[in-house]
Protein backbone atom coordinates (compact mmCIF):
# COMPACT_ATOMS: atom_id res chain seq x y z
CA UNK A 1 117.69 103.16 25.62
CA UNK A 2 114.12 104.32 25.52
CA UNK A 3 111.70 103.87 28.57
CA UNK A 4 109.51 101.40 26.58
CA UNK A 5 112.61 99.27 25.75
CA UNK A 6 113.50 99.24 29.42
CA UNK A 7 110.17 98.14 30.49
CA UNK A 8 110.25 95.24 27.64
CA UNK A 9 113.57 94.07 28.92
CA UNK A 10 112.43 93.96 32.56
CA UNK A 11 109.18 92.04 31.46
CA UNK A 12 111.33 89.69 29.45
CA UNK A 13 113.87 89.20 32.29
CA UNK A 14 110.86 88.30 34.72
CA UNK A 15 109.69 85.85 32.27
CA UNK A 16 113.01 84.20 31.77
CA UNK A 17 113.48 83.87 35.41
CA UNK A 18 109.83 82.49 35.80
CA UNK A 19 110.51 80.02 33.18
CA UNK A 20 113.91 79.12 35.02
CA UNK A 21 112.05 78.52 38.27
CA UNK A 22 109.36 76.33 36.48
CA UNK A 23 112.02 74.21 34.56
CA UNK A 24 113.66 73.73 38.17
CA UNK A 25 110.27 72.72 39.71
CA UNK A 26 109.57 70.29 36.79
CA UNK A 27 112.99 68.61 37.48
CA UNK A 28 112.45 68.27 41.19
CA UNK A 29 108.94 66.83 40.46
CA UNK A 30 110.34 64.35 38.02
CA UNK A 31 113.12 63.15 40.61
CA UNK A 32 110.50 62.82 43.34
CA UNK A 33 108.35 60.73 40.96
CA UNK A 34 111.11 58.38 40.11
CA UNK A 35 112.08 58.01 43.65
CA UNK A 36 108.48 57.21 44.52
CA UNK A 37 108.16 54.86 41.63
CA UNK A 38 111.38 52.99 42.57
CA UNK A 39 110.20 52.64 46.19
CA UNK A 40 106.89 51.34 44.75
CA UNK A 41 108.37 48.70 42.44
CA UNK A 42 110.90 47.48 44.93
CA UNK A 43 108.24 47.36 47.64
CA UNK A 44 109.94 49.79 49.78
CA UNK A 45 106.98 51.82 49.96
CA UNK A 46 103.18 50.42 49.86
CA UNK A 47 100.06 52.01 49.01
CA UNK A 48 97.16 52.19 51.59
CA UNK A 49 95.07 49.23 51.44
CA UNK A 50 91.75 51.35 51.17
CA UNK A 51 93.65 53.08 48.23
CA UNK A 52 94.08 49.86 46.34
CA UNK A 53 90.51 48.58 47.17
CA UNK A 54 89.09 51.41 45.23
CA UNK A 55 90.68 50.22 41.99
CA UNK A 56 89.71 46.61 42.70
CA UNK A 57 93.10 45.34 43.78
CA UNK A 58 94.26 43.57 46.89
CA UNK A 59 93.10 40.35 48.22
């Protein structure tokens, strides 16, 4: 294998690892979002009142 081919293969392997890492990060963030959304919808977690008031909500 030529030096250029090895360099290209190394770069592609690095890109593949980066893609895999970003896909895993995306899956983790989606799971976190779903868990937080579930907590909000079931009233297990509440937003701070000052945050809600920013959007005209709350009584």
